[in-house]
C-alpha atoms as a PDB file:
ATOM      1  CA  ALA A   1      29.599   8.439  10.418  1.00  0.00           C
ATOM      2  CA  LEU A   2      28.918  11.259  12.840  1.00  0.00           C
ATOM      3  CA  ALA A   3      31.702  10.166  15.105  1.00  0.00           C
ATOM      4  CA  ILE A   4      34.177   9.944  12.210  1.00  0.00           C
ATOM      5  CA  HIS A   5      32.956  13.286  10.922  1.00  0.00           C
ATOM      6  CA  ASN A   6      33.720  14.848  14.306  1.00  0.00           C
ATOM      7  CA  GLN A   7      37.142  13.293  14.560  1.00  0.00           C
ATOM      8  CA  GLN A   8      38.259  14.227  11.089  1.00  0.00           C
ATOM      9  CA  GLN A   9      36.764  17.713  11.334  1.00  0.00           C
ATOM     10  CA  GLY A  10      34.395  17.603   8.418  1.00  0.00           C
ATOM     11  CA  SER A  11      36.197  15.482   5.884  1.00  0.00           C
ATOM     12  CA  THR A  12      33.590  12.722   5.909  1.00  0.00           C
ATOM     13  CA  ILE A  13      30.984  12.175   3.217  1.00  0.00           C
ATOM     14  CA  PHE A  14      28.021   9.913   3.976  1.00  0.00           C
ATOM     15  CA  VAL A  15      26.879   7.966   0.896  1.00  0.00           C
ATOM     16  CA  THR A  16      23.490   6.275   0.917  1.00  0.00           C
ATOM     17  CA  LYS A  17      20.394   5.697  -1.162  1.00  0.00           C
ATOM     18  CA  ASP A  18      18.146   6.085   1.896  1.00  0.00           C
ATOM     19  CA  THR A  19      16.465   9.475   1.615  1.00  0.00           C
ATOM     20  CA  ASN A  20      15.589   9.636   5.329  1.00  0.00           C
ATOM     21  CA  LEU A  21      19.135   8.971   6.347  1.00  0.00           C
ATOM     22  CA  ARG A  22      20.466  11.712   3.931  1.00  0.00           C
ATOM     23  CA  ILE A  23      17.967  14.198   5.554  1.00  0.00           C
ATOM     24  CA  LYS A  24      19.060  13.260   9.059  1.00  0.00           C
ATOM     25  CA  ALA A  25      22.766  13.496   8.110  1.00  0.00           C
ATOM     26  CA  ASP A  26      22.134  16.923   6.667  1.00  0.00           C
ATOM     27  CA  ALA A  27      20.445  17.956   9.886  1.00  0.00           C
ATOM     28  CA  LEU A  28      23.583  16.791  11.809  1.00  0.00           C
ATOM     29  CA  GLY A  29      25.854  18.685   9.482  1.00  0.00           C
ATOM     30  CA  ILE A  30      27.353  15.649   7.616  1.00  0.00           C
ATOM     31  CA  PRO A  31      27.827  16.086   3.828  1.00  0.00           C
ATOM     32  CA  THR A  32      25.859  13.421   1.983  1.00  0.00           C
ATOM     33  CA  GLN A  33      25.794  12.002  -1.510  1.00  0.00           C
ATOM     34  CA  ASP A  34      23.606   9.534  -3.387  1.00  0.00           C
ATOM     35  CA  TYR A  35      24.985   6.598  -5.371  1.00  0.00           C
ATOM     36  CA  GLN A  36      25.917   7.793  -8.901  1.00  0.00           C
ATOM     37  CA  HIS A  37      25.288   4.432 -10.367  1.00  0.00           C
ATOM     38  CA  ASP A  38      22.642   1.682  -9.822  1.00  0.00           C
ATOM     39  CA  LYS A  39      19.764   4.182 -10.217  1.00  0.00           C
ATOM     40  CA  VAL A  40      16.186   2.836 -10.230  1.00  0.00           C
ATOM     41  CA  ARG A  41      13.757   4.391 -12.701  1.00  0.00           C
ATOM     42  CA  ILE A  42      10.321   4.691 -11.242  1.00  0.00           C
ATOM     43  CA  ASP A  43       8.572   3.957 -14.494  1.00  0.00           C
ATOM     44  CA  GLU A  44      10.397   0.576 -14.646  1.00  0.00           C
ATOM     45  CA  LEU A  45       9.097  -0.584 -11.283  1.00  0.00           C
ATOM     46  CA  TYR A  46       6.398  -3.313 -11.124  1.00  0.00           C
ATOM     47  CA  THR A  47       3.051  -1.505 -10.819  1.00  0.00           C
ATOM     48  CA  GLY A  48       0.844  -4.531 -10.155  1.00  0.00           C
ATOM     49  CA  VAL A  49      -1.571  -3.499 -12.902  1.00  0.00           C
ATOM     50  CA  ALA A  50      -1.475  -4.430 -16.629  1.00  0.00           C
ATOM     51  CA  GLU A  51      -3.605  -2.811 -19.321  1.00  0.00           C
ATOM     52  CA  ILE A  52      -4.558  -5.160 -22.259  1.00  0.00           C
ATOM     53  CA  ASN A  53      -6.648  -4.745 -25.329  1.00  0.00           C
ATOM     54  CA  VAL A  54      -9.124  -7.558 -25.960  1.00  0.00           C
ATOM     55  CA  PRO A  55     -12.121  -8.091 -28.361  1.00  0.00           C
ATOM     56  CA  VAL A  56     -15.353  -6.641 -26.941  1.00  0.00           C
ATOM     57  CA  ALA A  57     -16.766 -10.136 -27.060  1.00  0.00           C
ATOM     58  CA  THR A  58     -14.161 -11.138 -24.432  1.00  0.00           C
ATOM     59  CA  ILE A  59     -15.358  -8.407 -22.119  1.00  0.00           C
ATOM     60  CA  ASP A  60     -18.968  -9.494 -22.636  1.00  0.00           C
ATOM     61  CA  THR A  61     -17.958 -13.099 -21.785  1.00  0.00           C
ATOM     62  CA  PHE A  62     -16.163 -11.867 -18.689  1.00  0.00           C
ATOM     63  CA  TYR A  63     -19.261 -10.127 -17.402  1.00  0.00           C
ATOM     64  CA  GLU A  64     -21.502 -13.107 -18.278  1.00  0.00           C
ATOM     65  CA  LYS A  65     -19.427 -15.977 -16.955  1.00  0.00           C
ATOM     66  CA  GLY A  66     -17.249 -14.182 -14.365  1.00  0.00           C
ATOM     67  CA  THR A  67     -13.953 -15.462 -15.701  1.00  0.00           C
ATOM     68  CA  VAL A  68     -11.899 -15.477 -18.873  1.00  0.00           C
ATOM     69  CA  PRO A  69      -8.459 -16.977 -19.684  1.00  0.00           C
ATOM     70  CA  PRO A  70      -5.579 -14.474 -20.230  1.00  0.00           C
ATOM     71  CA  PRO A  71      -5.257 -13.482 -23.884  1.00  0.00           C
ATOM     72  CA  GLU A  72      -2.756 -15.453 -25.849  1.00  0.00           C
ATOM     73  CA  GLY A  73       0.458 -13.816 -26.955  1.00  0.00           C
ATOM     74  CA  LYS A  74       3.935 -13.086 -25.720  1.00  0.00           C
ATOM     75  CA  ASP A  75       2.734  -9.777 -24.134  1.00  0.00           C
ATOM     76  CA  TYR A  76       0.286 -11.554 -21.873  1.00  0.00           C
ATOM     77  CA  ASN A  77       2.033 -14.768 -20.910  1.00  0.00           C
ATOM     78  CA  ALA A  78       4.067 -12.926 -18.254  1.00  0.00           C
ATOM     79  CA  LEU A  79       1.125 -11.963 -16.100  1.00  0.00           C
ATOM     80  CA  TYR A  80       2.071 -12.477 -12.507  1.00  0.00           C
ATOM     81  CA  ALA A  81      -0.221 -14.177  -9.895  1.00  0.00           C
ATOM     82  CA  ASN A  82      -2.576 -11.632  -8.368  1.00  0.00           C
ATOM     83  CA  GLU A  83      -1.626  -9.012 -10.985  1.00  0.00           C
ATOM     84  CA  TYR A  84      -4.560  -6.781 -11.659  1.00  0.00           C
ATOM     85  CA  VAL A  85      -5.822  -6.299 -15.211  1.00  0.00           C
ATOM     86  CA  VAL A  86      -7.672  -3.476 -17.011  1.00  0.00           C
ATOM     87  CA  MET A  87      -9.173  -5.022 -20.144  1.00  0.00           C
ATOM     88  CA  ARG A  88     -10.153  -2.474 -22.885  1.00  0.00           C
ATOM     89  CA  GLY A  89     -12.303  -3.289 -25.999  1.00  0.00           C
ATOM     90  CA  GLN A  90     -10.383  -3.249 -29.241  1.00  0.00           C
ATOM     91  CA  GLU A  91     -13.402  -2.201 -31.200  1.00  0.00           C
ATOM     92  CA  ASP A  92     -14.752   0.120 -28.426  1.00  0.00           C
ATOM     93  CA  THR A  93     -12.192   1.597 -26.132  1.00  0.00           C
ATOM     94  CA  GLY A  94     -14.910   2.975 -23.809  1.00  0.00           C
ATOM     95  CA  LYS A  95     -15.845  -0.549 -22.852  1.00  0.00           C
ATOM     96  CA  SER A  96     -13.690  -1.986 -20.121  1.00  0.00           C
ATOM     97  CA  ALA A  97     -13.487  -4.415 -17.224  1.00  0.00           C
ATOM     98  CA  LEU A  98     -11.393  -4.769 -14.109  1.00  0.00           C
ATOM     99  CA  GLY A  99      -9.996  -8.127 -13.134  1.00  0.00           C
ATOM    100  CA  ARG A 100      -7.286  -9.971 -11.281  1.00  0.00           C
ATOM    101  CA  HIS A 101      -5.092 -12.809 -12.610  1.00  0.00           C
ATOM    102  CA  ASP A 102      -5.694 -15.802 -10.430  1.00  0.00           C
ATOM    103  CA  GLY A 103      -2.320 -17.665 -10.508  1.00  0.00           C
ATOM    104  CA  ASN A 104      -3.823 -20.957  -9.304  1.00  0.00           C
ATOM    105  CA  LYS A 105      -6.750 -21.054 -11.732  1.00  0.00           C
ATOM    106  CA  LYS A 106      -4.770 -19.382 -14.593  1.00  0.00           C
ATOM    107  CA  LEU A 107      -7.892 -17.176 -15.131  1.00  0.00           C
ATOM    108  CA  ILE A 108      -8.755 -13.538 -14.903  1.00  0.00           C
ATOM    109  CA  VAL A 109     -11.347 -13.215 -12.185  1.00  0.00           C
ATOM    110  CA  PRO A 110     -13.532 -10.043 -11.460  1.00  0.00           C
ATOM    111  CA  VAL A 111     -12.700  -7.495  -8.787  1.00  0.00           C
ATOM    112  CA  PRO A 112     -15.813  -7.465  -6.552  1.00  0.00           C
ATOM    113  CA  ARG A 113     -17.445  -4.168  -5.805  1.00  0.00           C
ATOM    114  CA  VAL A 114     -17.292  -2.876  -2.246  1.00  0.00           C
ATOM    115  CA  LYS A 115     -21.060  -2.412  -1.893  1.00  0.00           C
ATOM    116  CA  GLU A 116     -21.278  -1.704   1.879  1.00  0.00           C
ATOM    117  CA  GLY A 117     -17.919  -0.138   2.235  1.00  0.00           C
ATOM    118  CA  ILE A 118     -14.999  -1.086   4.466  1.00  0.00           C
ATOM    119  CA  TRP A 119     -15.862   0.480   7.753  1.00  0.00           C
ATOM    120  CA  GLY A 120     -17.614   3.276   5.783  1.00  0.00           C
ATOM    121  CA  ILE A 121     -14.712   3.637   3.305  1.00  0.00           C
ATOM    122  CA  PHE A 122     -15.420   3.262  -0.342  1.00  0.00           C
ATOM    123  CA  PRO A 123     -12.793   3.157  -3.176  1.00  0.00           C
ATOM    124  CA  LYS A 124     -12.621   6.302  -5.195  1.00  0.00           C
ATOM    125  CA  ASN A 125     -10.796   4.917  -8.282  1.00  0.00           C
ATOM    126  CA  LYS A 126      -9.655   1.631  -9.801  1.00  0.00           C
ATOM    127  CA  GLU A 127      -6.357   1.651  -7.899  1.00  0.00           C
ATOM    128  CA  GLN A 128      -8.136   1.836  -4.577  1.00  0.00           C
ATOM    129  CA  ALA A 129     -10.534  -0.805  -5.757  1.00  0.00           C
ATOM    130  CA  PHE A 130      -7.563  -3.093  -6.516  1.00  0.00           C
ATOM    131  CA  ALA A 131      -6.151  -2.322  -3.060  1.00  0.00           C
ATOM    132  CA  CYS A 132      -9.447  -3.146  -1.315  1.00  0.00           C
ATOM    133  CA  ASP A 133      -9.719  -6.444  -3.195  1.00  0.00           C
ATOM    134  CA  ALA A 134      -6.110  -7.461  -2.269  1.00  0.00           C
ATOM    135  CA  LEU A 135      -6.473  -6.427   1.382  1.00  0.00           C
ATOM    136  CA  LEU A 136      -9.753  -8.249   1.885  1.00  0.00           C
ATOM    137  CA  ASN A 137      -8.712 -11.434   0.068  1.00  0.00           C
ATOM    138  CA  ASP A 138      -7.635 -14.045   2.697  1.00  0.00           C
ATOM    139  CA  GLU A 139      -5.734 -16.046   0.070  1.00  0.00           C
ATOM    140  CA  ILE A 140      -3.288 -13.105  -0.438  1.00  0.00           C
ATOM    141  CA  LYS A 141      -0.999 -13.277   2.559  1.00  0.00           C
ATOM    142  CA  LEU A 142       1.147 -10.175   1.885  1.00  0.00           C
ATOM    143  CA  VAL A 143       0.029  -6.893   0.290  1.00  0.00           C
ATOM    144  CA  THR A 144       2.443  -4.015  -0.521  1.00  0.00           C
ATOM    145  CA  LEU A 145       0.840  -0.663  -1.397  1.00  0.00           C
ATOM    146  CA  VAL A 146       2.916   2.022  -3.110  1.00  0.00           C
ATOM    147  CA  GLY A 147       1.676   5.510  -3.843  1.00  0.00           C
ATOM    148  CA  LYS A 148       2.054   9.225  -3.199  1.00  0.00           C
ATOM    149  CA  ALA A 149       1.083  10.742   0.170  1.00  0.00           C
ATOM    150  CA  GLY A 150      -2.675  11.091   0.507  1.00  0.00           C
ATOM    151  CA  THR A 151      -3.672   8.277  -1.855  1.00  0.00           C
ATOM    152  CA  GLY A 152      -5.290   6.370   0.973  1.00  0.00           C
ATOM    153  CA  LYS A 153      -2.765   3.625   1.706  1.00  0.00           C
ATOM    154  CA  THR A 154      -2.863   3.829   5.459  1.00  0.00           C
ATOM    155  CA  LEU A 155      -6.619   4.450   5.667  1.00  0.00           C
ATOM    156  CA  LEU A 156      -7.449   1.498   3.429  1.00  0.00           C
ATOM    157  CA  ALA A 157      -5.043  -0.855   5.221  1.00  0.00           C
ATOM    158  CA  LEU A 158      -6.397   0.118   8.713  1.00  0.00           C
ATOM    159  CA  ALA A 159     -10.034  -0.176   7.528  1.00  0.00           C
ATOM    160  CA  ALA A 160      -9.397  -3.652   6.010  1.00  0.00           C
ATOM    161  CA  GLY A 161      -7.523  -4.812   9.106  1.00  0.00           C
ATOM    162  CA  LEU A 162     -10.216  -3.583  11.453  1.00  0.00           C
ATOM    163  CA  GLN A 163     -12.870  -5.346   9.371  1.00  0.00           C
ATOM    164  CA  LYS A 164     -10.974  -8.626   9.381  1.00  0.00           C
ATOM    165  CA  VAL A 165     -10.298  -8.447  13.181  1.00  0.00           C
ATOM    166  CA  ALA A 166     -13.348  -6.722  14.646  1.00  0.00           C
ATOM    167  CA  ASP A 167     -16.085  -7.771  12.264  1.00  0.00           C
ATOM    168  CA  GLU A 168     -15.124 -11.046  10.535  1.00  0.00           C
ATOM    169  CA  ASN A 169     -12.923 -12.387  13.418  1.00  0.00           C
ATOM    170  CA  VAL A 170     -10.438 -13.833  10.834  1.00  0.00           C
ATOM    171  CA  TYR A 171      -7.551 -12.614  12.970  1.00  0.00           C
ATOM    172  CA  LYS A 172      -7.167 -12.056  16.729  1.00  0.00           C
ATOM    173  CA  LYS A 173      -5.027  -8.875  16.617  1.00  0.00           C
ATOM    174  CA  LEU A 174      -4.174  -6.011  14.339  1.00  0.00           C
ATOM    175  CA  LEU A 175      -0.518  -4.844  14.671  1.00  0.00           C
ATOM    176  CA  VAL A 176       0.487  -1.461  13.258  1.00  0.00           C
ATOM    177  CA  SER A 177       4.208  -0.677  12.954  1.00  0.00           C
ATOM    178  CA  ARG A 178       5.933   2.417  11.654  1.00  0.00           C
ATOM    179  CA  PRO A 179       9.614   3.082  11.040  1.00  0.00           C
ATOM    180  CA  VAL A 180      11.108   5.914  13.207  1.00  0.00           C
ATOM    181  CA  PHE A 181      13.407   8.241  11.294  1.00  0.00           C
ATOM    182  CA  PRO A 182      14.118  11.330  13.422  1.00  0.00           C
ATOM    183  CA  LEU A 183      15.575  14.371  11.603  1.00  0.00           C
ATOM    184  CA  GLY A 184      17.582  15.538  14.600  1.00  0.00           C
ATOM    185  CA  ARG A 185      18.170  13.842  17.978  1.00  0.00           C
ATOM    186  CA  ASP A 186      17.062  10.182  18.347  1.00  0.00           C
ATOM    187  CA  ILE A 187      13.922   9.259  20.132  1.00  0.00           C
ATOM    188  CA  GLY A 188      15.671   8.757  23.468  1.00  0.00           C
ATOM    189  CA  PHE A 189      16.463  12.503  23.772  1.00  0.00           C
ATOM    190  CA  LEU A 190      12.732  13.470  23.424  1.00  0.00           C
ATOM    191  CA  PRO A 191      10.947  14.327  26.699  1.00  0.00           C
ATOM    192  CA  GLY A 192       8.224  12.224  28.188  1.00  0.00           C
ATOM    193  CA  ASP A 193       7.444   8.509  28.391  1.00  0.00           C
ATOM    194  CA  ILE A 194       7.582   6.065  25.474  1.00  0.00           C
ATOM    195  CA  GLU A 195       4.033   6.848  24.456  1.00  0.00           C
ATOM    196  CA  GLU A 196       4.733  10.636  24.381  1.00  0.00           C
ATOM    197  CA  LYS A 197       7.965   9.941  22.471  1.00  0.00           C
ATOM    198  CA  LEU A 198       6.215   7.894  19.794  1.00  0.00           C
ATOM    199  CA  ASN A 199       3.204  10.256  19.429  1.00  0.00           C
ATOM    200  CA  PRO A 200       4.679  12.344  16.558  1.00  0.00           C
ATOM    201  CA  TRP A 201       5.240   9.177  14.467  1.00  0.00           C
ATOM    202  CA  MET A 202       1.976   7.475  15.387  1.00  0.00           C
ATOM    203  CA  LYS A 203      -0.170  10.590  14.854  1.00  0.00           C
ATOM    204  CA  PRO A 204      -1.112   9.725  11.295  1.00  0.00           C
ATOM    205  CA  ILE A 205      -2.284   6.279  12.346  1.00  0.00           C
ATOM    206  CA  PHE A 206      -4.381   7.747  15.210  1.00  0.00           C
ATOM    207  CA  ASP A 207      -5.897  10.327  12.868  1.00  0.00           C
ATOM    208  CA  ASN A 208      -7.028   7.642  10.511  1.00  0.00           C
ATOM    209  CA  ILE A 209      -8.457   5.508  13.302  1.00  0.00           C
ATOM    210  CA  GLU A 210     -10.369   8.529  14.621  1.00  0.00           C
ATOM    211  CA  LEU A 211     -11.807   9.175  11.152  1.00  0.00           C
ATOM    212  CA  LEU A 212     -12.927   5.484  10.935  1.00  0.00           C
ATOM    213  CA  LEU A 213     -14.510   5.729  14.388  1.00  0.00           C
ATOM    214  CA  GLU A 214     -16.383   8.959  13.358  1.00  0.00           C
ATOM    215  CA  ILE A 215     -17.852   7.132  10.402  1.00  0.00           C
ATOM    216  CA  ASN A 216     -18.619   3.966  12.558  1.00  0.00           C
ATOM    217  CA  PRO A 217     -19.357   5.173  16.098  1.00  0.00           C
ATOM    218  CA  SER A 218     -20.970   1.796  16.915  1.00  0.00           C
ATOM    219  CA  CYS A 219     -17.539   0.144  16.557  1.00  0.00           C
ATOM    220  CA  GLN A 220     -15.834   2.241  19.243  1.00  0.00           C
ATOM    221  CA  LYS A 221     -16.087  -0.518  21.842  1.00  0.00           C
ATOM    222  CA  LYS A 222     -14.682  -3.134  19.417  1.00  0.00           C
ATOM    223  CA  VAL A 223     -11.550  -1.023  18.881  1.00  0.00           C
ATOM    224  CA  GLU A 224     -11.158  -0.260  22.610  1.00  0.00           C
ATOM    225  CA  ARG A 225     -11.302  -3.924  23.444  1.00  0.00           C
ATOM    226  CA  GLY A 226      -8.703  -4.728  20.816  1.00  0.00           C
ATOM    227  CA  TYR A 227      -6.488  -1.899  21.851  1.00  0.00           C
ATOM    228  CA  GLU A 228      -6.565  -2.981  25.509  1.00  0.00           C
END
């Protein structure tokens, strides 16, 4: 697009839904437009969490037995596997329970509490509790976390990954990747070797790892061995 833009002296318009590409194109002086159609409404996206109203007796049974079947009805038959559930009492809205829909058992199972923390990190709300449960569950092979900046996505993912690799030895290696979207010149134009070029993009990862090591200084050697 930049080559065509230069050849035609500014009569090119770059159309994309990728926000990062639009920012980069704007930095390079290329007019950009978003698609006028095929918009995606944020409130229509799958959230991974369903709120359902159930009798208080169902919540009591859930705490007593540890599982309950999903409520009957057309609104609840569409629960996805590993979808998290917030059950609220119909007679008492202040009474609630957190669970996860086990697709194999067809039951709602409890979300275990992180008593000792994940490398010193404890969930601050129900969304982070759901994320911790999904990240630490070996039966869930792929976890996607979506949220605003600062909601703990990277920190929780790193803490869970380090626990699985360094503490539980479930995996041999933790691989962290991050897309590179420069606003100006590409990475090849930056000075320094490859490590210095990537430092601006990897800085958030390093900051989170440093925080985890400050909380767990005894794990420094484990991380250094894994990094080497």
